[in-house]
Amino acid sequence: MNPRTAQVERNTLETQITVAVNLDGNGKTSFRTGLPFLDHMLDQVARHGLIDLDIASHGDLHIDAHHSVEDIGITLGQAFAQALGDKKGIFRYGHAYCPLDESLSRVVVDFSGRPGLFYEVEFKRALIGSFDVDLLKEFFQGFVNHAGVTLHIDNLKGGNAHHIAETVFKAFGRAIRMAISHDERMAGIMPSTKGSL
């Protein structure tokens, strides 16, 4: 089995980002983004998805975090697409429900090649610490556009904003883990009737 790894760089006038992934890792992480809350959320993805993530970002945080968060999502999506290659032999679909105290979220993903984000998450406050919760959707939009996935994210219950966000990212990690896992019965076979994804 070939290693499913990738390293992608994205350089714009607003951000300079490097992302390295190992889809068959054990959850090791290294983050240098200047965004501690986002790092905490990405750590959930790595640990619950068993994906090694190394992300470095230098962005225009003196303006706000929008460009950095969106571009990290874009670059991570590109890295996933590169590491997965033709997607032969994967389960393709994944889903997970994750609770944290009063909060419960569901994430369903399809590595379909067709980008689509369906995001139903409402927060009762605009900030978690200094992090703008609106940017979480921007992260996922960047990811789906460049990973080529259909992604449904629903927060089913919740009150505490931190808990809601954490259940979303934990469920995202678990759903991805299921979808990109090798299906022994589909070894070398494209998981699509079209013959490509």
N, C-alpha and C. Protein backbone atom coordinates (compact mmCIF):
# COMPACT_ATOMS: atom_id res chain seq x y z
N MET A 1 0.85 -1.19 0.00
CA MET A 1 0.00 0.00 0.00
C MET A 1 0.88 1.24 0.00
N ASN A 2 0.64 2.11 -0.97
CA ASN A 2 1.41 3.34 -1.06
C ASN A 2 1.05 4.28 0.08
N PRO A 3 2.04 5.01 0.58
CA PRO A 3 1.74 5.97 1.66
C PRO A 3 0.82 7.07 1.14
N ARG A 4 -0.17 7.40 1.93
CA ARG A 4 -1.11 8.45 1.53
C ARG A 4 -0.72 9.73 2.26
N THR A 5 0.26 10.39 1.69
CA THR A 5 0.80 11.60 2.28
C THR A 5 0.83 12.70 1.22
N ALA A 6 0.86 13.94 1.69
CA ALA A 6 0.97 15.07 0.78
C ALA A 6 1.49 16.27 1.54
N GLN A 7 2.17 17.15 0.82
CA GLN A 7 2.57 18.45 1.37
C GLN A 7 2.21 19.50 0.32
N VAL A 8 1.48 20.52 0.74
CA VAL A 8 0.99 21.55 -0.16
C VAL A 8 1.34 22.91 0.41
N GLU A 9 1.79 23.81 -0.47
CA GLU A 9 2.03 25.19 -0.08
C GLU A 9 1.07 26.10 -0.82
N ARG A 10 0.60 27.12 -0.13
CA ARG A 10 -0.26 28.13 -0.75
C ARG A 10 0.28 29.49 -0.34
N ASN A 11 0.64 30.28 -1.33
CA ASN A 11 1.21 31.60 -1.06
C ASN A 11 0.43 32.66 -1.81
N THR A 12 -0.16 33.58 -1.05
CA THR A 12 -0.86 34.72 -1.64
C THR A 12 -0.34 35.99 -0.97
N LEU A 13 -0.88 37.11 -1.38
CA LEU A 13 -0.51 38.37 -0.74
C LEU A 13 -1.05 38.45 0.68
N GLU A 14 -2.03 37.58 1.01
CA GLU A 14 -2.67 37.60 2.33
C GLU A 14 -2.14 36.54 3.28
N THR A 15 -1.76 35.38 2.74
CA THR A 15 -1.33 34.26 3.59
C THR A 15 -0.23 33.46 2.92
N GLN A 16 0.59 32.84 3.76
CA GLN A 16 1.57 31.86 3.32
C GLN A 16 1.37 30.63 4.20
N ILE A 17 0.96 29.53 3.57
CA ILE A 17 0.53 28.35 4.33
C ILE A 17 1.21 27.10 3.79
N THR A 18 1.63 26.24 4.71
CA THR A 18 2.14 24.91 4.37
C THR A 18 1.35 23.89 5.17
N VAL A 19 0.85 22.88 4.48
CA VAL A 19 0.12 21.79 5.12
C VAL A 19 0.74 20.47 4.70
N ALA A 20 1.05 19.62 5.68
CA ALA A 20 1.49 18.26 5.41
C ALA A 20 0.53 17.31 6.10
N VAL A 21 0.09 16.27 5.38
CA VAL A 21 -0.83 15.28 5.94
C VAL A 21 -0.31 13.87 5.71
N ASN A 22 -0.61 13.01 6.67
CA ASN A 22 -0.44 11.57 6.52
C ASN A 22 -1.79 10.96 6.91
N LEU A 23 -2.52 10.49 5.90
CA LEU A 23 -3.87 9.99 6.15
C LEU A 23 -3.87 8.67 6.90
N ASP A 24 -2.73 8.02 6.98
CA ASP A 24 -2.61 6.74 7.69
C ASP A 24 -1.75 6.91 8.94
N GLY A 25 -1.85 8.06 9.58
CA GLY A 25 -1.03 8.36 10.75
C GLY A 25 -1.68 7.87 12.03
N ASN A 26 -1.27 8.51 13.12
CA ASN A 26 -1.83 8.15 14.43
C ASN A 26 -2.27 9.37 15.23
N GLY A 27 -2.44 10.50 14.55
CA GLY A 27 -2.95 11.69 15.21
C GLY A 27 -1.90 12.66 15.69
N LYS A 28 -0.67 12.53 15.18
CA LYS A 28 0.38 13.48 15.57
C LYS A 28 0.11 14.85 14.93
N THR A 29 0.40 15.90 15.68
CA THR A 29 0.13 17.24 15.18
C THR A 29 1.27 18.20 15.47
N SER A 30 1.36 19.20 14.60
CA SER A 30 2.21 20.36 14.83
C SER A 30 1.51 21.54 14.16
N PHE A 31 1.17 22.55 14.95
CA PHE A 31 0.46 23.70 14.43
C PHE A 31 1.22 24.98 14.76
N ARG A 32 1.34 25.84 13.75
CA ARG A 32 1.95 27.16 13.91
C ARG A 32 1.11 28.13 13.07
N THR A 33 -0.09 28.42 13.59
CA THR A 33 -1.01 29.24 12.81
C THR A 33 -1.25 30.62 13.40
N GLY A 34 -0.94 30.80 14.67
CA GLY A 34 -1.28 32.04 15.35
C GLY A 34 -2.74 32.11 15.75
N LEU A 35 -3.45 30.99 15.62
CA LEU A 35 -4.88 30.93 15.94
C LEU A 35 -5.12 29.76 16.90
N PRO A 36 -4.93 29.99 18.19
CA PRO A 36 -4.99 28.88 19.15
C PRO A 36 -6.30 28.10 19.14
N PHE A 37 -7.43 28.77 18.97
CA PHE A 37 -8.69 28.03 18.98
C PHE A 37 -8.80 27.13 17.75
N LEU A 38 -8.41 27.63 16.59
CA LEU A 38 -8.43 26.80 15.39
C LEU A 38 -7.48 25.62 15.55
N ASP A 39 -6.31 25.85 16.14
CA ASP A 39 -5.38 24.75 16.41
C ASP A 39 -6.04 23.67 17.27
N HIS A 40 -6.77 24.11 18.28
CA HIS A 40 -7.48 23.18 19.17
C HIS A 40 -8.50 22.36 18.39
N MET A 41 -9.21 22.99 17.46
CA MET A 41 -10.19 22.28 16.64
C MET A 41 -9.52 21.32 15.66
N LEU A 42 -8.43 21.75 15.05
CA LEU A 42 -7.70 20.88 14.12
C LEU A 42 -7.09 19.69 14.84
N ASP A 43 -6.71 19.88 16.10
CA ASP A 43 -6.19 18.78 16.90
C ASP A 43 -7.27 17.71 17.08
N GLN A 44 -8.54 18.13 17.21
CA GLN A 44 -9.63 17.16 17.31
C GLN A 44 -9.73 16.32 16.03
N VAL A 45 -9.60 16.98 14.88
CA VAL A 45 -9.67 16.27 13.60
C VAL A 45 -8.56 15.23 13.50
N ALA A 46 -7.35 15.64 13.85
CA ALA A 46 -6.20 14.73 13.75
C ALA A 46 -6.35 13.54 14.69
N ARG A 47 -6.67 13.81 15.93
CA ARG A 47 -6.70 12.74 16.94
C ARG A 47 -7.86 11.79 16.74
N HIS A 48 -9.02 12.32 16.36
CA HIS A 48 -10.18 11.45 16.18
C HIS A 48 -10.22 10.85 14.77
N GLY A 49 -9.49 11.46 13.85
CA GLY A 49 -9.41 10.92 12.50
C GLY A 49 -8.19 10.06 12.26
N LEU A 50 -7.28 10.01 13.25
CA LEU A 50 -5.99 9.29 13.10
C LEU A 50 -5.24 9.76 11.87
N ILE A 51 -5.15 11.08 11.75
CA ILE A 51 -4.45 11.73 10.65
C ILE A 51 -3.33 12.57 11.24
N ASP A 52 -2.13 12.44 10.71
CA ASP A 52 -1.04 13.31 11.12
C ASP A 52 -1.16 14.63 10.37
N LEU A 53 -1.11 15.74 11.10
CA LEU A 53 -1.25 17.07 10.51
C LEU A 53 -0.12 17.97 10.94
N ASP A 54 0.50 18.62 9.99
CA ASP A 54 1.50 19.65 10.26
C ASP A 54 1.08 20.87 9.46
N ILE A 55 0.70 21.93 10.17
CA ILE A 55 0.17 23.13 9.50
C ILE A 55 0.90 24.36 10.01
N ALA A 56 1.47 25.10 9.08
CA ALA A 56 2.10 26.38 9.40
C ALA A 56 1.43 27.47 8.57
N SER A 57 1.08 28.56 9.21
CA SER A 57 0.40 29.65 8.51
C SER A 57 0.93 30.98 9.01
N HIS A 58 1.24 31.84 8.05
CA HIS A 58 1.57 33.24 8.37
C HIS A 58 0.62 34.09 7.56
N GLY A 59 -0.29 34.77 8.25
CA GLY A 59 -1.30 35.53 7.54
C GLY A 59 -1.49 36.92 8.10
N ASP A 60 -2.41 37.65 7.48
CA ASP A 60 -2.65 39.05 7.86
C ASP A 60 -3.60 39.12 9.05
N LEU A 61 -3.15 38.54 10.17
CA LEU A 61 -3.98 38.52 11.37
C LEU A 61 -4.18 39.91 11.97
N HIS A 62 -3.36 40.88 11.56
CA HIS A 62 -3.56 42.25 12.03
C HIS A 62 -4.86 42.84 11.47
N ILE A 63 -5.37 42.26 10.36
CA ILE A 63 -6.67 42.67 9.82
C ILE A 63 -7.75 41.88 10.55
N ASP A 64 -7.77 40.59 10.33
CA ASP A 64 -8.56 39.65 11.12
C ASP A 64 -8.15 38.25 10.69
N ALA A 65 -8.84 37.23 11.18
CA ALA A 65 -8.41 35.85 10.93
C ALA A 65 -9.05 35.25 9.68
N HIS A 66 -9.90 36.00 8.99
CA HIS A 66 -10.68 35.42 7.90
C HIS A 66 -9.81 34.76 6.83
N HIS A 67 -8.86 35.50 6.30
CA HIS A 67 -8.04 34.96 5.21
C HIS A 67 -7.26 33.74 5.65
N SER A 68 -6.73 33.77 6.86
CA SER A 68 -5.94 32.64 7.36
C SER A 68 -6.80 31.39 7.52
N VAL A 69 -7.96 31.54 8.14
CA VAL A 69 -8.82 30.37 8.39
C VAL A 69 -9.30 29.78 7.07
N GLU A 70 -9.78 30.62 6.17
CA GLU A 70 -10.27 30.13 4.88
C GLU A 70 -9.14 29.45 4.10
N ASP A 71 -7.97 30.06 4.08
CA ASP A 71 -6.87 29.52 3.28
C ASP A 71 -6.29 28.25 3.90
N ILE A 72 -6.35 28.12 5.21
CA ILE A 72 -5.96 26.84 5.84
C ILE A 72 -6.93 25.74 5.39
N GLY A 73 -8.23 26.04 5.35
CA GLY A 73 -9.20 25.08 4.84
C GLY A 73 -8.93 24.70 3.40
N ILE A 74 -8.63 25.68 2.56
CA ILE A 74 -8.32 25.44 1.16
C ILE A 74 -7.10 24.53 1.02
N THR A 75 -6.04 24.87 1.73
CA THR A 75 -4.79 24.12 1.59
C THR A 75 -4.92 22.71 2.15
N LEU A 76 -5.65 22.57 3.26
CA LEU A 76 -5.90 21.23 3.80
C LEU A 76 -6.71 20.40 2.81
N GLY A 77 -7.71 21.00 2.18
CA GLY A 77 -8.48 20.28 1.17
C GLY A 77 -7.62 19.83 0.01
N GLN A 78 -6.72 20.70 -0.45
CA GLN A 78 -5.80 20.32 -1.54
C GLN A 78 -4.90 19.17 -1.12
N ALA A 79 -4.44 19.19 0.12
CA ALA A 79 -3.58 18.12 0.61
C ALA A 79 -4.32 16.79 0.67
N PHE A 80 -5.57 16.82 1.13
CA PHE A 80 -6.39 15.60 1.14
C PHE A 80 -6.56 15.04 -0.27
N ALA A 81 -6.91 15.91 -1.21
CA ALA A 81 -7.13 15.46 -2.58
C ALA A 81 -5.87 14.82 -3.15
N GLN A 82 -4.73 15.43 -2.89
CA GLN A 82 -3.46 14.90 -3.39
C GLN A 82 -3.12 13.56 -2.73
N ALA A 83 -3.31 13.48 -1.41
CA ALA A 83 -2.95 12.27 -0.68
C ALA A 83 -3.86 11.09 -1.04
N LEU A 84 -5.13 11.36 -1.33
CA LEU A 84 -6.06 10.28 -1.65
C LEU A 84 -5.90 9.75 -3.07
N GLY A 85 -5.38 10.56 -3.96
CA GLY A 85 -5.18 10.10 -5.33
C GLY A 85 -6.49 9.74 -6.00
N ASP A 86 -6.54 8.55 -6.62
CA ASP A 86 -7.73 8.17 -7.38
C ASP A 86 -8.87 7.63 -6.51
N LYS A 87 -8.62 7.45 -5.21
CA LYS A 87 -9.63 7.04 -4.22
C LYS A 87 -10.06 5.58 -4.36
N LYS A 88 -9.37 4.80 -5.15
CA LYS A 88 -9.73 3.39 -5.26
C LYS A 88 -9.58 2.69 -3.91
N GLY A 89 -10.56 1.87 -3.59
CA GLY A 89 -10.47 1.03 -2.40
C GLY A 89 -10.86 1.68 -1.09
N ILE A 90 -11.34 2.94 -1.12
CA ILE A 90 -11.77 3.56 0.14
C ILE A 90 -13.27 3.35 0.33
N PHE A 91 -13.73 3.54 1.56
CA PHE A 91 -15.16 3.44 1.83
C PHE A 91 -15.95 4.56 1.15
N ARG A 92 -15.33 5.72 1.00
CA ARG A 92 -15.88 6.90 0.34
C ARG A 92 -16.82 7.68 1.24
N TYR A 93 -17.76 7.01 1.90
CA TYR A 93 -18.73 7.67 2.76
C TYR A 93 -18.33 7.52 4.22
N GLY A 94 -18.60 8.54 5.01
CA GLY A 94 -18.37 8.45 6.45
C GLY A 94 -19.38 9.29 7.20
N HIS A 95 -19.68 8.87 8.41
CA HIS A 95 -20.61 9.64 9.24
C HIS A 95 -20.23 9.45 10.71
N ALA A 96 -20.59 10.42 11.51
CA ALA A 96 -20.32 10.33 12.95
C ALA A 96 -21.24 11.28 13.71
N TYR A 97 -21.64 10.83 14.88
CA TYR A 97 -22.29 11.67 15.88
C TYR A 97 -21.31 11.81 17.04
N CYS A 98 -21.09 13.01 17.49
CA CYS A 98 -20.21 13.20 18.65
C CYS A 98 -20.88 14.14 19.66
N PRO A 99 -20.93 13.72 20.94
CA PRO A 99 -21.47 14.58 21.99
C PRO A 99 -20.34 15.21 22.81
N LEU A 100 -20.65 16.29 23.45
CA LEU A 100 -19.82 16.85 24.51
C LEU A 100 -20.77 17.54 25.48
N ASP A 101 -20.98 16.90 26.62
CA ASP A 101 -21.96 17.40 27.58
C ASP A 101 -23.31 17.63 26.90
N GLU A 102 -23.79 18.87 26.87
CA GLU A 102 -25.13 19.15 26.35
C GLU A 102 -25.17 19.24 24.81
N SER A 103 -24.01 19.23 24.18
CA SER A 103 -23.95 19.44 22.73
C SER A 103 -23.83 18.12 21.98
N LEU A 104 -24.45 18.07 20.81
CA LEU A 104 -24.40 16.88 19.96
C LEU A 104 -24.40 17.33 18.52
N SER A 105 -23.43 16.84 17.75
CA SER A 105 -23.34 17.20 16.33
C SER A 105 -23.21 15.94 15.48
N ARG A 106 -23.70 16.07 14.26
CA ARG A 106 -23.62 14.99 13.27
C ARG A 106 -22.90 15.52 12.03
N VAL A 107 -21.95 14.73 11.53
CA VAL A 107 -21.25 15.06 10.29
C VAL A 107 -21.32 13.86 9.36
N VAL A 108 -21.68 14.13 8.10
CA VAL A 108 -21.72 13.10 7.06
C VAL A 108 -20.90 13.61 5.88
N VAL A 109 -19.99 12.75 5.38
CA VAL A 109 -19.10 13.17 4.30
C VAL A 109 -19.11 12.14 3.19
N ASP A 110 -18.99 12.63 1.97
CA ASP A 110 -18.88 11.80 0.77
C ASP A 110 -17.73 12.35 -0.06
N PHE A 111 -16.68 11.52 -0.23
CA PHE A 111 -15.54 11.93 -1.06
C PHE A 111 -15.91 11.69 -2.53
N SER A 112 -16.88 12.46 -2.98
CA SER A 112 -17.57 12.25 -4.25
C SER A 112 -16.88 12.91 -5.43
N GLY A 113 -16.00 13.85 -5.17
CA GLY A 113 -15.45 14.68 -6.24
C GLY A 113 -16.32 15.90 -6.51
N ARG A 114 -17.47 15.99 -5.85
CA ARG A 114 -18.38 17.12 -6.04
C ARG A 114 -18.43 17.95 -4.76
N PRO A 115 -17.92 19.17 -4.81
CA PRO A 115 -17.92 19.99 -3.60
C PRO A 115 -19.31 20.50 -3.26
N GLY A 116 -19.67 20.34 -1.99
CA GLY A 116 -20.93 20.88 -1.50
C GLY A 116 -20.91 20.91 0.01
N LEU A 117 -21.23 22.06 0.57
CA LEU A 117 -21.28 22.20 2.03
C LEU A 117 -22.70 22.55 2.44
N PHE A 118 -23.24 21.77 3.38
CA PHE A 118 -24.57 21.99 3.94
C PHE A 118 -24.38 22.09 5.45
N TYR A 119 -24.40 23.31 5.95
CA TYR A 119 -23.91 23.64 7.29
C TYR A 119 -25.04 24.23 8.10
N GLU A 120 -25.50 23.49 9.10
CA GLU A 120 -26.59 23.95 9.97
C GLU A 120 -26.08 23.99 11.42
N VAL A 121 -25.35 25.05 11.72
CA VAL A 121 -24.77 25.23 13.06
C VAL A 121 -25.05 26.66 13.49
N GLU A 122 -25.73 26.82 14.60
CA GLU A 122 -26.03 28.15 15.12
C GLU A 122 -25.38 28.32 16.48
N PHE A 123 -24.71 29.44 16.63
CA PHE A 123 -24.06 29.78 17.89
C PHE A 123 -24.82 30.92 18.56
N LYS A 124 -24.86 30.89 19.87
CA LYS A 124 -25.57 31.93 20.62
C LYS A 124 -24.68 33.12 20.94
N ARG A 125 -23.43 33.03 20.54
CA ARG A 125 -22.54 34.19 20.67
C ARG A 125 -21.59 34.22 19.49
N ALA A 126 -21.03 35.37 19.22
CA ALA A 126 -20.23 35.57 18.02
C ALA A 126 -18.78 35.16 18.18
N LEU A 127 -18.29 35.13 19.42
CA LEU A 127 -16.87 34.87 19.66
C LEU A 127 -16.70 33.73 20.64
N ILE A 128 -15.67 32.93 20.40
CA ILE A 128 -15.17 31.99 21.40
C ILE A 128 -13.77 32.50 21.74
N GLY A 129 -13.64 33.10 22.91
CA GLY A 129 -12.43 33.87 23.18
C GLY A 129 -12.40 35.03 22.21
N SER A 130 -11.37 35.10 21.39
CA SER A 130 -11.30 36.14 20.37
C SER A 130 -11.57 35.59 18.98
N PHE A 131 -11.99 34.32 18.89
CA PHE A 131 -12.19 33.67 17.59
C PHE A 131 -13.63 33.87 17.12
N ASP A 132 -13.78 34.38 15.90
CA ASP A 132 -15.08 34.64 15.29
C ASP A 132 -15.68 33.33 14.81
N VAL A 133 -16.82 32.91 15.38
CA VAL A 133 -17.40 31.61 15.04
C VAL A 133 -17.86 31.54 13.58
N ASP A 134 -18.13 32.66 12.92
CA ASP A 134 -18.50 32.65 11.51
C ASP A 134 -17.40 32.03 10.64
N LEU A 135 -16.17 32.10 11.12
CA LEU A 135 -15.04 31.61 10.32
C LEU A 135 -14.99 30.09 10.24
N LEU A 136 -15.69 29.40 11.13
CA LEU A 136 -15.71 27.94 11.06
C LEU A 136 -16.35 27.49 9.76
N LYS A 137 -17.42 28.13 9.36
CA LYS A 137 -18.04 27.78 8.08
C LYS A 137 -17.10 28.07 6.92
N GLU A 138 -16.36 29.17 7.01
CA GLU A 138 -15.40 29.50 5.95
C GLU A 138 -14.31 28.44 5.82
N PHE A 139 -13.86 27.91 6.96
CA PHE A 139 -12.88 26.83 6.94
C PHE A 139 -13.44 25.62 6.18
N PHE A 140 -14.64 25.20 6.54
CA PHE A 140 -15.22 24.02 5.90
C PHE A 140 -15.52 24.27 4.43
N GLN A 141 -15.93 25.48 4.07
CA GLN A 141 -16.18 25.80 2.66
C GLN A 141 -14.90 25.68 1.85
N GLY A 142 -13.82 26.21 2.38
CA GLY A 142 -12.53 26.08 1.70
C GLY A 142 -12.12 24.63 1.54
N PHE A 143 -12.35 23.84 2.60
CA PHE A 143 -11.97 22.42 2.55
C PHE A 143 -12.77 21.68 1.48
N VAL A 144 -14.09 21.81 1.50
CA VAL A 144 -14.90 21.03 0.56
C VAL A 144 -14.63 21.43 -0.89
N ASN A 145 -14.41 22.71 -1.13
CA ASN A 145 -14.16 23.17 -2.50
C ASN A 145 -12.91 22.55 -3.09
N HIS A 146 -11.92 22.29 -2.25
CA HIS A 146 -10.63 21.83 -2.77
C HIS A 146 -10.35 20.37 -2.51
N ALA A 147 -11.05 19.76 -1.56
CA ALA A 147 -10.96 18.31 -1.38
C ALA A 147 -11.93 17.59 -2.31
N GLY A 148 -12.94 18.31 -2.80
CA GLY A 148 -13.95 17.71 -3.66
C GLY A 148 -14.85 16.77 -2.89
N VAL A 149 -15.42 17.25 -1.78
CA VAL A 149 -16.29 16.41 -0.96
C VAL A 149 -17.64 17.08 -0.79
N THR A 150 -18.66 16.25 -0.57
CA THR A 150 -19.95 16.72 -0.10
C THR A 150 -19.97 16.54 1.41
N LEU A 151 -20.30 17.61 2.13
CA LEU A 151 -20.18 17.60 3.58
C LEU A 151 -21.44 18.18 4.20
N HIS A 152 -22.10 17.38 5.04
CA HIS A 152 -23.26 17.83 5.79
C HIS A 152 -22.87 17.93 7.26
N ILE A 153 -23.04 19.10 7.84
CA ILE A 153 -22.71 19.34 9.25
C ILE A 153 -23.96 19.88 9.93
N ASP A 154 -24.41 19.17 10.95
CA ASP A 154 -25.60 19.58 11.69
C ASP A 154 -25.31 19.53 13.19
N ASN A 155 -25.50 20.67 13.84
CA ASN A 155 -25.50 20.65 15.30
C ASN A 155 -26.93 20.37 15.74
N LEU A 156 -27.12 19.27 16.44
CA LEU A 156 -28.45 18.82 16.82
C LEU A 156 -28.90 19.38 18.15
N LYS A 157 -27.96 19.59 19.07
CA LYS A 157 -28.24 20.16 20.38
C LYS A 157 -27.02 20.93 20.83
N GLY A 158 -27.23 21.92 21.67
CA GLY A 158 -26.08 22.62 22.22
C GLY A 158 -26.41 23.97 22.78
N GLY A 159 -25.60 24.40 23.71
CA GLY A 159 -25.74 25.72 24.30
C GLY A 159 -24.40 26.42 24.36
N ASN A 160 -23.40 25.73 24.87
CA ASN A 160 -22.06 26.29 25.02
C ASN A 160 -21.37 26.31 23.66
N ALA A 161 -20.93 27.49 23.23
CA ALA A 161 -20.34 27.64 21.89
C ALA A 161 -19.10 26.78 21.70
N HIS A 162 -18.25 26.72 22.72
CA HIS A 162 -17.04 25.90 22.62
C HIS A 162 -17.42 24.43 22.44
N HIS A 163 -18.40 23.97 23.20
CA HIS A 163 -18.83 22.58 23.09
C HIS A 163 -19.40 22.28 21.71
N ILE A 164 -20.20 23.20 21.19
CA ILE A 164 -20.78 23.00 19.86
C ILE A 164 -19.66 22.85 18.82
N ALA A 165 -18.73 23.79 18.82
CA ALA A 165 -17.63 23.73 17.84
C ALA A 165 -16.83 22.45 17.99
N GLU A 166 -16.56 22.06 19.21
CA GLU A 166 -15.73 20.87 19.42
C GLU A 166 -16.45 19.61 18.95
N THR A 167 -17.77 19.51 19.18
CA THR A 167 -18.47 18.33 18.68
C THR A 167 -18.46 18.28 17.16
N VAL A 168 -18.55 19.43 16.51
CA VAL A 168 -18.49 19.48 15.06
C VAL A 168 -17.15 18.95 14.56
N PHE A 169 -16.06 19.41 15.13
CA PHE A 169 -14.74 19.01 14.63
C PHE A 169 -14.41 17.57 15.00
N LYS A 170 -14.85 17.11 16.17
CA LYS A 170 -14.65 15.70 16.51
C LYS A 170 -15.41 14.80 15.54
N ALA A 171 -16.66 15.15 15.26
CA ALA A 171 -17.46 14.35 14.34
C ALA A 171 -16.87 14.41 12.92
N PHE A 172 -16.36 15.55 12.54
CA PHE A 172 -15.70 15.70 11.24
C PHE A 172 -14.51 14.74 11.14
N GLY A 173 -13.68 14.70 12.18
CA GLY A 173 -12.54 13.79 12.19
C GLY A 173 -12.97 12.34 12.09
N ARG A 174 -13.98 11.95 12.87
CA ARG A 174 -14.44 10.56 12.87
C ARG A 174 -15.07 10.19 11.52
N ALA A 175 -15.85 11.10 10.93
CA ALA A 175 -16.47 10.83 9.64
C ALA A 175 -15.42 10.66 8.55
N ILE A 176 -14.41 11.52 8.56
CA ILE A 176 -13.32 11.40 7.59
C ILE A 176 -12.60 10.08 7.77
N ARG A 177 -12.32 9.73 9.01
CA ARG A 177 -11.63 8.46 9.28
C ARG A 177 -12.37 7.28 8.66
N MET A 178 -13.68 7.26 8.80
CA MET A 178 -14.48 6.19 8.20
C MET A 178 -14.40 6.23 6.67
N ALA A 179 -14.56 7.42 6.10
CA ALA A 179 -14.65 7.55 4.64
C ALA A 179 -13.35 7.19 3.93
N ILE A 180 -12.21 7.54 4.51
CA ILE A 180 -10.93 7.31 3.82
C ILE A 180 -10.30 5.98 4.18
N SER A 181 -10.94 5.21 5.07
CA SER A 181 -10.40 3.91 5.43
C SER A 181 -10.46 2.96 4.24
N HIS A 182 -9.53 2.00 4.23
CA HIS A 182 -9.49 1.00 3.17
C HIS A 182 -10.58 -0.04 3.38
N ASP A 183 -11.32 -0.30 2.34
CA ASP A 183 -12.36 -1.33 2.34
C ASP A 183 -11.76 -2.57 1.67
N GLU A 184 -11.47 -3.60 2.44
CA GLU A 184 -10.82 -4.79 1.91
C GLU A 184 -11.61 -5.41 0.77
N ARG A 185 -12.91 -5.33 0.82
CA ARG A 185 -13.74 -5.92 -0.24
C ARG A 185 -13.72 -5.09 -1.52
N MET A 186 -13.23 -3.83 -1.42
CA MET A 186 -13.18 -2.95 -2.58
C MET A 186 -11.74 -2.67 -3.01
N ALA A 187 -10.81 -3.52 -2.62
CA ALA A 187 -9.39 -3.28 -2.91
C ALA A 187 -9.18 -3.06 -4.41
N GLY A 188 -8.62 -1.92 -4.75
CA GLY A 188 -8.32 -1.60 -6.14
C GLY A 188 -9.53 -1.23 -6.98
N ILE A 189 -10.69 -1.12 -6.36
CA ILE A 189 -11.92 -0.83 -7.09
C ILE A 189 -12.38 0.59 -6.79
N MET A 190 -12.86 1.26 -7.83
CA MET A 190 -13.37 2.61 -7.65
C MET A 190 -14.76 2.55 -7.00
N PRO A 191 -14.97 3.24 -5.90
CA PRO A 191 -16.28 3.18 -5.23
C PRO A 191 -17.32 4.08 -5.89
N SER A 192 -17.56 3.84 -7.18
CA SER A 192 -18.53 4.63 -7.92
C SER A 192 -18.95 3.85 -9.15
N THR A 193 -20.23 3.93 -9.51
CA THR A 193 -20.70 3.28 -10.72
C THR A 193 -20.22 4.02 -11.97
N LYS A 194 -19.76 5.27 -11.82
CA LYS A 194 -19.26 6.04 -12.97
C LYS A 194 -17.84 5.63 -13.35
N GLY A 195 -17.13 4.98 -12.42
CA GLY A 195 -15.76 4.56 -12.70
C GLY A 195 -14.72 5.59 -12.33
N SER A 196 -15.14 6.74 -11.83
CA SER A 196 -14.19 7.76 -11.37
C SER A 196 -14.89 8.65 -10.35
N LEU A 197 -14.06 9.27 -9.52
CA LEU A 197 -14.57 10.22 -8.52
C LEU A 197 -13.77 11.51 -8.64
